[in-house]
């Protein structure tokens, strides 16, 4: 079973990100679930959501404490909370940031050493602003998720977007979201983050 944890802030579409992953997995013929961590949700407040993908029925409904993939929609969360809790040397971390990794304030001022080969960064905010004219990063980052993890197909993600947004703005909204994920999917190979650990 593959477990995905998503961190962001209220208003960034954290829950929708997990839902789109689960819907796409379903279209790929897999079993999936998606759900948020409930709390005091307000715009700007830290939010978590979760997704699981498996080839067999998923019986657990608990929060994800040891993620295989960690998605960070808002880099300002790094250092302000322990978003890497439960991660290990196999966890893939996908971060939306325009900064070099060494400029980010990870706990204790450095990246955890076992993340050396598993941190991926992309400026999803810039791509979203170019395509949408506003900071819609939750769908934008999913193109990179597809390329990095291979857990869902690009075709099924496009179908998930069409299903999710068909009643929320019509074809224009769908088209822009698909364009955003295609761009991050195509560009991801050049955005592997450089590992940094201060002396």
Protein backbone atom coordinates (compact mmCIF):
# COMPACT_ATOMS: atom_id res chain seq x y z
CA UNK A 1 0.00 0.00 0.00
CA UNK A 2 1.20 3.52 -0.83
CA UNK A 3 0.50 6.31 1.66
CA UNK A 4 0.54 10.00 0.75
CA UNK A 5 0.41 12.92 3.17
CA UNK A 6 -0.21 16.45 1.95
CA UNK A 7 0.63 19.62 3.88
CA UNK A 8 -0.60 23.10 3.01
CA UNK A 9 -2.68 25.95 4.34
CA UNK A 10 -6.41 26.54 4.40
CA UNK A 11 -7.56 27.82 1.02
CA UNK A 12 -4.82 26.06 -0.99
CA UNK A 13 -6.92 23.04 -1.92
CA UNK A 14 -5.14 20.53 0.29
CA UNK A 15 -8.20 18.26 0.53
CA UNK A 16 -8.86 18.48 -3.22
CA UNK A 17 -5.29 17.35 -3.90
CA UNK A 18 -5.89 14.10 -2.01
CA UNK A 19 -9.27 13.61 -3.66
CA UNK A 20 -7.82 13.98 -7.16
CA UNK A 21 -5.11 11.43 -6.38
CA UNK A 22 -7.74 8.95 -5.16
CA UNK A 23 -10.08 9.52 -8.12
CA UNK A 24 -7.21 9.07 -10.59
CA UNK A 25 -6.15 5.86 -8.82
CA UNK A 26 -9.72 4.59 -9.12
CA UNK A 27 -9.65 5.27 -12.87
CA UNK A 28 -6.42 3.26 -13.00
CA UNK A 29 -8.29 0.30 -11.50
CA UNK A 30 -6.85 0.61 -8.01
CA UNK A 31 -8.39 0.91 -4.57
CA UNK A 32 -7.99 4.36 -3.02
CA UNK A 33 -9.13 6.59 -0.20
CA UNK A 34 -8.74 10.28 0.58
CA UNK A 35 -9.62 12.26 3.69
CA UNK A 36 -8.54 15.38 5.62
CA UNK A 37 -7.29 15.86 9.15
CA UNK A 38 -10.15 17.69 10.75
CA UNK A 39 -9.50 20.61 13.04
CA UNK A 40 -9.94 24.36 13.08
CA UNK A 41 -9.83 24.88 9.33
CA UNK A 42 -9.52 28.51 8.35
CA UNK A 43 -7.79 30.35 5.54
CA UNK A 44 -4.05 30.32 6.14
CA UNK A 45 -4.10 27.71 8.91
CA UNK A 46 -1.94 24.58 8.48
CA UNK A 47 -3.96 21.73 6.98
CA UNK A 48 -3.18 18.07 6.32
CA UNK A 49 -4.91 15.59 4.04
CA UNK A 50 -4.20 11.98 3.23
CA UNK A 51 -4.51 9.52 0.36
CA UNK A 52 -3.89 5.79 0.14
CA UNK A 53 -3.53 3.66 -2.98
CA UNK A 54 -3.56 -0.12 -3.04
CA UNK A 55 -4.39 -3.11 -5.24
CA UNK A 56 -6.38 -4.65 -2.38
CA UNK A 57 -9.14 -3.33 -0.13
CA UNK A 58 -7.91 -0.71 2.35
CA UNK A 59 -9.14 -1.45 5.84
CA UNK A 60 -7.36 1.23 7.85
CA UNK A 61 -8.91 4.67 8.25
CA UNK A 62 -6.34 6.22 10.55
CA UNK A 63 -4.20 9.26 9.77
CA UNK A 64 -0.97 8.62 7.89
CA UNK A 65 1.92 8.73 10.31
CA UNK A 66 4.62 7.18 8.09
CA UNK A 67 4.13 8.52 4.54
CA UNK A 68 5.71 7.06 1.43
CA UNK A 69 5.20 10.40 -0.31
CA UNK A 70 5.05 13.82 1.32
CA UNK A 71 3.65 16.76 -0.68
CA UNK A 72 4.30 20.28 0.62
CA UNK A 73 2.14 22.93 -1.05
CA UNK A 74 3.38 25.81 1.10
CA UNK A 75 7.13 25.99 1.87
CA UNK A 76 6.54 28.39 4.77
CA UNK A 77 5.36 25.35 6.73
CA UNK A 78 8.90 23.99 6.70
CA UNK A 79 10.46 24.89 10.01
CA UNK A 80 7.20 26.11 11.53
CA UNK A 81 6.02 22.55 12.17
CA UNK A 82 7.47 19.08 11.97
CA UNK A 83 6.01 18.20 8.60
CA UNK A 84 8.61 15.48 8.04
CA UNK A 85 7.43 13.53 11.09
CA UNK A 86 7.25 9.82 10.35
CA UNK A 87 9.36 10.05 7.18
CA UNK A 88 12.26 7.69 6.54
CA UNK A 89 14.97 7.13 3.93
CA UNK A 90 12.41 5.94 1.36
CA UNK A 91 9.99 8.85 1.66
CA UNK A 92 9.77 11.00 -1.47
CA UNK A 93 9.27 14.68 -0.64
CA UNK A 94 7.76 17.01 -3.26
CA UNK A 95 7.99 20.71 -2.35
CA UNK A 96 6.44 23.73 -4.05
CA UNK A 97 9.15 26.38 -3.80
CA UNK A 98 11.03 28.90 -5.91
CA UNK A 99 13.99 28.72 -3.53
CA UNK A 100 17.04 26.56 -3.58
CA UNK A 101 16.60 23.84 -0.99
CA UNK A 102 19.47 25.26 1.09
CA UNK A 103 17.45 28.46 1.57
CA UNK A 104 14.59 26.63 3.27
CA UNK A 105 14.47 26.52 7.06
CA UNK A 106 14.23 22.85 7.86
CA UNK A 107 14.21 21.75 11.51
CA UNK A 108 17.60 22.29 13.14
CA UNK A 109 18.71 24.30 10.10
CA UNK A 110 19.38 21.36 7.82
CA UNK A 111 17.79 18.66 5.76
CA UNK A 112 17.57 15.27 7.37
CA UNK A 113 20.44 13.30 5.79
CA UNK A 114 18.34 10.38 4.58
CA UNK A 115 16.39 12.71 2.31
CA UNK A 116 19.49 13.13 0.15
CA UNK A 117 18.08 11.47 -2.97
CA UNK A 118 14.38 11.90 -2.38
CA UNK A 119 13.65 15.64 -2.37
CA UNK A 120 12.01 17.13 -5.44
CA UNK A 121 11.24 20.82 -5.85
CA UNK A 122 9.27 22.80 -8.38
CA UNK A 123 7.91 26.32 -8.58
CA UNK A 124 4.26 25.33 -8.87
CA UNK A 125 3.27 28.85 -7.82
CA UNK A 126 4.92 30.42 -10.88
CA UNK A 127 3.37 27.88 -13.23
CA UNK A 128 -0.05 28.43 -11.65
CA UNK A 129 0.24 32.21 -11.96
CA UNK A 130 1.26 31.87 -15.62
CA UNK A 131 -1.68 29.62 -16.47
CA UNK A 132 -4.49 30.61 -14.08
CA UNK A 133 -3.47 34.14 -13.16
CA UNK A 134 -3.71 33.10 -9.51
CA UNK A 135 -2.01 30.75 -7.07
CA UNK A 136 -3.79 27.45 -7.78
CA UNK A 137 -1.02 25.08 -6.79
CA UNK A 138 -2.89 22.00 -5.67
CA UNK A 139 -3.64 20.65 -9.14
CA UNK A 140 -0.45 22.12 -10.60
CA UNK A 141 1.83 20.09 -8.33
CA UNK A 142 0.10 16.83 -9.26
CA UNK A 143 1.80 16.66 -12.66
CA UNK A 144 5.09 16.39 -10.80
CA UNK A 145 3.55 13.82 -8.45
CA UNK A 146 2.66 11.60 -11.42
CA UNK A 147 6.15 11.87 -12.94
CA UNK A 148 8.01 11.28 -9.68
CA UNK A 149 5.95 8.45 -8.18
CA UNK A 150 4.28 6.65 -11.09
CA UNK A 151 1.43 5.76 -8.71
CA UNK A 152 -1.23 7.17 -11.01
CA UNK A 153 -1.24 7.77 -14.75
CA UNK A 154 -1.36 11.17 -16.38
CA UNK A 155 -4.38 10.07 -18.42
CA UNK A 156 -6.30 9.11 -15.29
CA UNK A 157 -5.35 12.36 -13.55
CA UNK A 158 -6.79 14.26 -16.49
CA UNK A 159 -10.00 12.23 -16.21
CA UNK A 160 -10.11 12.97 -12.48
CA UNK A 161 -9.77 16.69 -13.13
CA UNK A 162 -12.54 16.55 -15.70
CA UNK A 163 -14.82 14.75 -13.26
CA UNK A 164 -13.99 16.99 -10.30
CA UNK A 165 -14.28 20.33 -12.10
CA UNK A 166 -16.96 19.67 -14.71
CA UNK A 167 -19.50 21.58 -12.61
CA UNK A 168 -17.05 24.23 -11.39
CA UNK A 169 -16.39 26.51 -14.32
CA UNK A 170 -16.76 24.18 -17.25
CA UNK A 171 -14.31 23.51 -20.04
CA UNK A 172 -12.09 26.55 -19.48
CA UNK A 173 -11.32 25.55 -15.89
CA UNK A 174 -10.72 21.93 -16.92
CA UNK A 175 -8.46 22.96 -19.79
CA UNK A 176 -6.30 25.22 -17.60
CA UNK A 177 -5.91 22.56 -14.91
CA UNK A 178 -4.87 19.97 -17.49
CA UNK A 179 -2.40 22.42 -19.01
CA UNK A 180 -0.88 23.02 -15.56
CA UNK A 181 -0.36 19.34 -14.78
CA UNK A 182 1.07 18.70 -18.24
CA UNK A 183 3.61 21.47 -17.74
CA UNK A 184 4.81 20.22 -14.35
CA UNK A 185 4.86 16.64 -15.66
CA UNK A 186 7.00 17.59 -18.67
CA UNK A 187 9.39 19.80 -16.71
CA UNK A 188 9.91 17.67 -13.62
CA UNK A 189 13.12 15.96 -14.70
CA UNK A 190 14.96 19.30 -14.50
CA UNK A 191 13.69 20.10 -11.01
CA UNK A 192 15.33 17.45 -8.86
CA UNK A 193 16.30 19.33 -5.73
CA UNK A 194 19.90 19.58 -4.73
CA UNK A 195 20.67 18.12 -1.34
CA UNK A 196 22.09 20.55 1.17
CA UNK A 197 23.39 20.12 4.68
CA UNK A 198 25.16 23.02 6.41
CA UNK A 199 28.54 22.35 7.97
